[in-house]
Amino acid sequence: MTASHEPVDPRPETDPNAHPKGDAPDFVDAPADAAEDPIALLQAQLDAALAEVAEQKEAVLRARADTENVRRRAQEDVSKAHKFGIESFAESMVPVKDSLEAALAQADQTLDTLREGVEVTLKQVSSAFERNRLTEVQPAQGDKFDPHKHQAISSVPGDQPANTIVQTLQKGYMISDRVLRPALVIVSAGKA
């Protein structure tokens, strides 16, 4: 077997009459004269591959730009949420401040009118809390101690079972399901 230095045609040997004109194999979009010139065939395949690579590169760059735009928009949304997340609560609290200022502006008040004004203002605060899902945590005596919602200040011996609340010293508050401030409580240490 002797080695030939002639270029080898990568196409399988076929009968030139086997494929009618226009019915060439799919993988080759070569000019008609490439059938006689293997270099032209390879150049045509290379050009097609380079065109596809350029197209894929452009698609990757577009996808990267789209991803960057989504990331940037998400960061802007988070920033706006931090800035304006308290807006609803602030809108609820403005009338409360107005009521307090109006009460202080009254020169001649009786204790009854002052108390009535404070009660109306407290209703405004309670309404603002409710609209913004700010709820009280005020456990009753005998309730089970919950370390997620309560903070024990001390424990005292008593007739109640251990880890039950004896007294609430200060209400706690929650925003939705998150504790804003735990209720301060005294718990029972059980019977001595």
C-alpha atoms as a PDB file:
ATOM      1  CA  MET A   1       0.000   0.000   0.000  1.00  0.00           C
ATOM      2  CA  THR A   2       1.485   3.274  -0.995  1.00  0.00           C
ATOM      3  CA  ALA A   3       0.504   6.570   0.499  1.00  0.00           C
ATOM      4  CA  SER A   4      -0.949   9.036  -1.913  1.00  0.00           C
ATOM      5  CA  HIS A   5      -0.376  12.746  -1.499  1.00  0.00           C
ATOM      6  CA  GLU A   6      -3.581  13.619  -3.234  1.00  0.00           C
ATOM      7  CA  PRO A   7      -6.401  15.110  -1.156  1.00  0.00           C
ATOM      8  CA  VAL A   8      -8.989  12.590  -0.092  1.00  0.00           C
ATOM      9  CA  ASP A   9     -12.608  13.379  -0.876  1.00  0.00           C
ATOM     10  CA  PRO A  10     -14.469  13.144   2.489  1.00  0.00           C
ATOM     11  CA  ARG A  11     -17.718  12.283   0.731  1.00  0.00           C
ATOM     12  CA  PRO A  12     -18.590   8.659   0.213  1.00  0.00           C
ATOM     13  CA  GLU A  13     -18.304   7.430  -3.308  1.00  0.00           C
ATOM     14  CA  THR A  14     -21.650   7.730  -4.996  1.00  0.00           C
ATOM     15  CA  ASP A  15     -23.032   7.537  -8.417  1.00  0.00           C
ATOM     16  CA  PRO A  16     -23.224  11.107  -9.805  1.00  0.00           C
ATOM     17  CA  ASN A  17     -26.633  10.249 -11.247  1.00  0.00           C
ATOM     18  CA  ALA A  18     -27.987   8.910  -7.922  1.00  0.00           C
ATOM     19  CA  HIS A  19     -29.083  12.366  -6.676  1.00  0.00           C
ATOM     20  CA  PRO A  20     -30.916  14.556  -9.117  1.00  0.00           C
ATOM     21  CA  LYS A  21     -29.905  18.211  -9.136  1.00  0.00           C
ATOM     22  CA  GLY A  22     -31.299  20.094  -6.074  1.00  0.00           C
ATOM     23  CA  ASP A  23     -31.546  16.879  -4.009  1.00  0.00           C
ATOM     24  CA  ALA A  24     -28.054  17.041  -2.483  1.00  0.00           C
ATOM     25  CA  PRO A  25     -27.393  15.738   1.058  1.00  0.00           C
ATOM     26  CA  ASP A  26     -28.464  18.093   3.904  1.00  0.00           C
ATOM     27  CA  PHE A  27     -25.026  18.603   5.444  1.00  0.00           C
ATOM     28  CA  VAL A  28     -23.554  20.194   2.335  1.00  0.00           C
ATOM     29  CA  ASP A  29     -24.610  23.592   1.070  1.00  0.00           C
ATOM     30  CA  ALA A  30     -21.768  23.845  -1.346  1.00  0.00           C
ATOM     31  CA  PRO A  31     -21.687  25.421  -4.782  1.00  0.00           C
ATOM     32  CA  ALA A  32     -22.105  23.112  -7.741  1.00  0.00           C
ATOM     33  CA  ASP A  33     -18.451  23.380  -8.737  1.00  0.00           C
ATOM     34  CA  ALA A  34     -17.420  22.101  -5.275  1.00  0.00           C
ATOM     35  CA  ALA A  35     -18.313  18.590  -6.376  1.00  0.00           C
ATOM     36  CA  GLU A  36     -15.142  18.568  -8.405  1.00  0.00           C
ATOM     37  CA  ASP A  37     -13.010  20.562  -5.890  1.00  0.00           C
ATOM     38  CA  PRO A  38     -12.733  19.101  -2.334  1.00  0.00           C
ATOM     39  CA  ILE A  39     -11.026  22.306  -1.071  1.00  0.00           C
ATOM     40  CA  ALA A  40     -14.013  24.357  -2.167  1.00  0.00           C
ATOM     41  CA  LEU A  41     -16.303  21.868  -0.423  1.00  0.00           C
ATOM     42  CA  LEU A  42     -14.305  22.131   2.822  1.00  0.00           C
ATOM     43  CA  GLN A  43     -14.242  25.942   2.520  1.00  0.00           C
ATOM     44  CA  ALA A  44     -18.012  25.995   2.091  1.00  0.00           C
ATOM     45  CA  GLN A  45     -18.472  23.780   5.160  1.00  0.00           C
ATOM     46  CA  LEU A  46     -16.088  25.986   7.152  1.00  0.00           C
ATOM     47  CA  ASP A  47     -17.931  29.127   6.084  1.00  0.00           C
ATOM     48  CA  ALA A  48     -21.252  27.569   7.117  1.00  0.00           C
ATOM     49  CA  ALA A  49     -19.820  26.513  10.509  1.00  0.00           C
ATOM     50  CA  LEU A  50     -18.335  29.980  11.097  1.00  0.00           C
ATOM     51  CA  ALA A  51     -21.656  31.603  10.237  1.00  0.00           C
ATOM     52  CA  GLU A  52     -23.431  29.329  12.722  1.00  0.00           C
ATOM     53  CA  VAL A  53     -20.819  30.088  15.405  1.00  0.00           C
ATOM     54  CA  ALA A  54     -21.306  33.820  14.832  1.00  0.00           C
ATOM     55  CA  GLU A  55     -25.080  33.377  15.088  1.00  0.00           C
ATOM     56  CA  GLN A  56     -24.730  31.378  18.328  1.00  0.00           C
ATOM     57  CA  LYS A  57     -22.326  33.967  19.745  1.00  0.00           C
ATOM     58  CA  GLU A  58     -24.826  36.722  19.019  1.00  0.00           C
ATOM     59  CA  ALA A  59     -27.596  34.694  20.688  1.00  0.00           C
ATOM     60  CA  VAL A  60     -25.409  34.201  23.795  1.00  0.00           C
ATOM     61  CA  LEU A  61     -24.649  37.934  23.944  1.00  0.00           C
ATOM     62  CA  ARG A  62     -28.380  38.749  23.673  1.00  0.00           C
ATOM     63  CA  ALA A  63     -29.205  36.239  26.423  1.00  0.00           C
ATOM     64  CA  ARG A  64     -26.467  37.685  28.639  1.00  0.00           C
ATOM     65  CA  ALA A  65     -27.799  41.224  28.076  1.00  0.00           C
ATOM     66  CA  ASP A  66     -31.350  40.089  28.876  1.00  0.00           C
ATOM     67  CA  THR A  67     -30.141  38.416  32.069  1.00  0.00           C
ATOM     68  CA  GLU A  68     -28.259  41.552  33.090  1.00  0.00           C
ATOM     69  CA  ASN A  69     -31.374  43.668  32.470  1.00  0.00           C
ATOM     70  CA  VAL A  70     -33.501  41.326  34.609  1.00  0.00           C
ATOM     71  CA  ARG A  71     -30.890  41.431  37.399  1.00  0.00           C
ATOM     72  CA  ARG A  72     -30.717  45.237  37.262  1.00  0.00           C
ATOM     73  CA  ARG A  73     -34.528  45.567  37.331  1.00  0.00           C
ATOM     74  CA  ALA A  74     -34.725  43.184  40.294  1.00  0.00           C
ATOM     75  CA  GLN A  75     -32.148  45.245  42.186  1.00  0.00           C
ATOM     76  CA  GLU A  76     -34.136  48.411  41.455  1.00  0.00           C
ATOM     77  CA  ASP A  77     -37.332  46.727  42.694  1.00  0.00           C
ATOM     78  CA  VAL A  78     -35.641  45.659  45.929  1.00  0.00           C
ATOM     79  CA  SER A  79     -34.251  49.157  46.412  1.00  0.00           C
ATOM     80  CA  LYS A  80     -37.709  50.685  45.881  1.00  0.00           C
ATOM     81  CA  ALA A  81     -39.250  48.169  48.282  1.00  0.00           C
ATOM     82  CA  HIS A  82     -36.732  49.190  50.958  1.00  0.00           C
ATOM     83  CA  LYS A  83     -37.378  52.892  50.354  1.00  0.00           C
ATOM     84  CA  PHE A  84     -41.142  52.810  50.055  1.00  0.00           C
ATOM     85  CA  GLY A  85     -42.114  49.655  51.978  1.00  0.00           C
ATOM     86  CA  ILE A  86     -43.116  51.747  54.968  1.00  0.00           C
ATOM     87  CA  GLU A  87     -45.278  54.077  52.862  1.00  0.00           C
ATOM     88  CA  SER A  88     -48.567  52.367  53.753  1.00  0.00           C
ATOM     89  CA  PHE A  89     -47.789  52.445  57.468  1.00  0.00           C
ATOM     90  CA  ALA A  90     -46.660  56.083  57.259  1.00  0.00           C
ATOM     91  CA  GLU A  91     -49.932  57.037  55.540  1.00  0.00           C
ATOM     92  CA  SER A  92     -51.807  55.372  58.408  1.00  0.00           C
ATOM     93  CA  MET A  93     -49.796  57.211  61.049  1.00  0.00           C
ATOM     94  CA  VAL A  94     -50.139  60.757  59.652  1.00  0.00           C
ATOM     95  CA  PRO A  95     -53.744  61.173  60.957  1.00  0.00           C
ATOM     96  CA  VAL A  96     -52.572  59.957  64.383  1.00  0.00           C
ATOM     97  CA  LYS A  97     -49.939  62.691  64.484  1.00  0.00           C
ATOM     98  CA  ASP A  98     -52.545  65.230  63.356  1.00  0.00           C
ATOM     99  CA  SER A  99     -54.858  64.161  66.204  1.00  0.00           C
ATOM    100  CA  LEU A 100     -52.086  64.442  68.792  1.00  0.00           C
ATOM    101  CA  GLU A 101     -51.093  67.896  67.546  1.00  0.00           C
ATOM    102  CA  ALA A 102     -54.737  69.027  67.610  1.00  0.00           C
ATOM    103  CA  ALA A 103     -55.088  67.779  71.183  1.00  0.00           C
ATOM    104  CA  LEU A 104     -52.015  69.695  72.291  1.00  0.00           C
ATOM    105  CA  ALA A 105     -53.229  72.834  70.518  1.00  0.00           C
ATOM    106  CA  GLN A 106     -56.409  72.927  72.686  1.00  0.00           C
ATOM    107  CA  ALA A 107     -55.771  75.363  75.501  1.00  0.00           C
ATOM    108  CA  ASP A 108     -58.777  74.779  77.747  1.00  0.00           C
ATOM    109  CA  GLN A 109     -59.407  71.056  78.058  1.00  0.00           C
ATOM    110  CA  THR A 110     -61.088  69.094  80.731  1.00  0.00           C
ATOM    111  CA  LEU A 111     -59.798  65.737  81.804  1.00  0.00           C
ATOM    112  CA  ASP A 112     -62.818  64.100  80.126  1.00  0.00           C
ATOM    113  CA  THR A 113     -62.221  65.754  76.731  1.00  0.00           C
ATOM    114  CA  LEU A 114     -58.522  64.916  76.918  1.00  0.00           C
ATOM    115  CA  ARG A 115     -59.345  61.295  77.721  1.00  0.00           C
ATOM    116  CA  GLU A 116     -61.866  61.169  74.859  1.00  0.00           C
ATOM    117  CA  GLY A 117     -59.268  62.559  72.433  1.00  0.00           C
ATOM    118  CA  VAL A 118     -56.681  60.002  73.576  1.00  0.00           C
ATOM    119  CA  GLU A 119     -59.211  57.172  73.083  1.00  0.00           C
ATOM    120  CA  VAL A 120     -59.975  58.370  69.524  1.00  0.00           C
ATOM    121  CA  THR A 121     -56.243  58.588  68.796  1.00  0.00           C
ATOM    122  CA  LEU A 122     -55.696  55.071  70.180  1.00  0.00           C
ATOM    123  CA  LYS A 123     -58.436  53.793  67.842  1.00  0.00           C
ATOM    124  CA  GLN A 124     -56.600  55.436  64.925  1.00  0.00           C
ATOM    125  CA  VAL A 125     -53.349  53.722  65.963  1.00  0.00           C
ATOM    126  CA  SER A 126     -55.107  50.352  66.350  1.00  0.00           C
ATOM    127  CA  SER A 127     -56.687  50.777  62.908  1.00  0.00           C
ATOM    128  CA  ALA A 128     -53.287  51.634  61.384  1.00  0.00           C
ATOM    129  CA  PHE A 129     -51.766  48.546  63.025  1.00  0.00           C
ATOM    130  CA  GLU A 130     -54.569  46.336  61.715  1.00  0.00           C
ATOM    131  CA  ARG A 131     -54.302  47.669  58.139  1.00  0.00           C
ATOM    132  CA  ASN A 132     -50.570  46.973  58.157  1.00  0.00           C
ATOM    133  CA  ARG A 133     -50.876  43.480  59.735  1.00  0.00           C
ATOM    134  CA  LEU A 134     -49.201  44.564  62.988  1.00  0.00           C
ATOM    135  CA  THR A 135     -50.781  42.432  65.709  1.00  0.00           C
ATOM    136  CA  GLU A 136     -50.422  42.296  69.472  1.00  0.00           C
ATOM    137  CA  VAL A 137     -48.917  39.375  71.346  1.00  0.00           C
ATOM    138  CA  GLN A 138     -50.515  39.457  74.770  1.00  0.00           C
ATOM    139  CA  PRO A 139     -50.567  36.021  76.370  1.00  0.00           C
ATOM    140  CA  ALA A 140     -53.049  35.377  79.144  1.00  0.00           C
ATOM    141  CA  GLN A 141     -52.205  33.955  82.554  1.00  0.00           C
ATOM    142  CA  GLY A 142     -51.879  30.174  82.271  1.00  0.00           C
ATOM    143  CA  ASP A 143     -50.917  30.188  78.550  1.00  0.00           C
ATOM    144  CA  LYS A 144     -47.965  28.010  77.584  1.00  0.00           C
ATOM    145  CA  PHE A 145     -44.668  29.868  77.232  1.00  0.00           C
ATOM    146  CA  ASP A 146     -43.607  30.171  73.569  1.00  0.00           C
ATOM    147  CA  PRO A 147     -39.937  31.209  73.227  1.00  0.00           C
ATOM    148  CA  HIS A 148     -40.628  32.374  69.658  1.00  0.00           C
ATOM    149  CA  LYS A 149     -43.195  34.957  70.809  1.00  0.00           C
ATOM    150  CA  HIS A 150     -42.402  35.527  74.484  1.00  0.00           C
ATOM    151  CA  GLN A 151     -39.368  36.581  76.447  1.00  0.00           C
ATOM    152  CA  ALA A 152     -39.223  35.342  80.041  1.00  0.00           C
ATOM    153  CA  ILE A 153     -37.934  37.964  82.454  1.00  0.00           C
ATOM    154  CA  SER A 154     -38.035  35.643  85.436  1.00  0.00           C
ATOM    155  CA  SER A 155     -39.548  32.432  86.698  1.00  0.00           C
ATOM    156  CA  VAL A 156     -41.357  32.064  90.002  1.00  0.00           C
ATOM    157  CA  PRO A 157     -42.504  29.004  91.905  1.00  0.00           C
ATOM    158  CA  GLY A 158     -46.260  28.626  91.843  1.00  0.00           C
ATOM    159  CA  ASP A 159     -49.249  26.356  91.601  1.00  0.00           C
ATOM    160  CA  GLN A 160     -49.257  26.462  87.798  1.00  0.00           C
ATOM    161  CA  PRO A 161     -47.365  23.895  85.732  1.00  0.00           C
ATOM    162  CA  ALA A 162     -43.797  24.772  84.730  1.00  0.00           C
ATOM    163  CA  ASN A 163     -43.346  26.959  81.631  1.00  0.00           C
ATOM    164  CA  THR A 164     -46.777  28.560  81.838  1.00  0.00           C
ATOM    165  CA  ILE A 165     -47.239  32.307  81.944  1.00  0.00           C
ATOM    166  CA  VAL A 166     -47.934  33.826  85.349  1.00  0.00           C
ATOM    167  CA  GLN A 167     -47.992  37.489  84.290  1.00  0.00           C
ATOM    168  CA  THR A 168     -47.514  39.580  81.135  1.00  0.00           C
ATOM    169  CA  LEU A 169     -45.374  42.644  81.829  1.00  0.00           C
ATOM    170  CA  GLN A 170     -45.361  44.106  78.314  1.00  0.00           C
ATOM    171  CA  LYS A 171     -47.245  43.263  75.109  1.00  0.00           C
ATOM    172  CA  GLY A 172     -45.324  41.977  72.157  1.00  0.00           C
ATOM    173  CA  TYR A 173     -45.990  42.722  68.484  1.00  0.00           C
ATOM    174  CA  MET A 174     -45.828  40.740  65.259  1.00  0.00           C
ATOM    175  CA  ILE A 175     -45.818  41.837  61.626  1.00  0.00           C
ATOM    176  CA  SER A 176     -47.664  39.077  59.807  1.00  0.00           C
ATOM    177  CA  ASP A 177     -45.860  35.940  61.075  1.00  0.00           C
ATOM    178  CA  ARG A 178     -42.651  37.675  62.144  1.00  0.00           C
ATOM    179  CA  VAL A 179     -42.033  38.792  65.731  1.00  0.00           C
ATOM    180  CA  LEU A 180     -41.287  42.504  65.943  1.00  0.00           C
ATOM    181  CA  ARG A 181     -41.006  42.527  69.725  1.00  0.00           C
ATOM    182  CA  PRO A 182     -41.601  39.531  72.028  1.00  0.00           C
ATOM    183  CA  ALA A 183     -44.005  39.852  74.942  1.00  0.00           C
ATOM    184  CA  LEU A 184     -42.201  40.219  78.265  1.00  0.00           C
ATOM    185  CA  VAL A 185     -43.546  37.640  80.708  1.00  0.00           C
ATOM    186  CA  ILE A 186     -42.980  35.986  84.041  1.00  0.00           C
ATOM    187  CA  VAL A 187     -43.245  32.190  83.866  1.00  0.00           C
ATOM    188  CA  SER A 188     -43.996  29.564  86.428  1.00  0.00           C
ATOM    189  CA  ALA A 189     -41.173  27.343  87.605  1.00  0.00           C
ATOM    190  CA  GLY A 190     -43.710  24.777  88.780  1.00  0.00           C
ATOM    191  CA  LYS A 191     -44.507  23.714  92.332  1.00  0.00           C
ATOM    192  CA  ALA A 192     -41.719  24.245  94.802  1.00  0.00           C
END
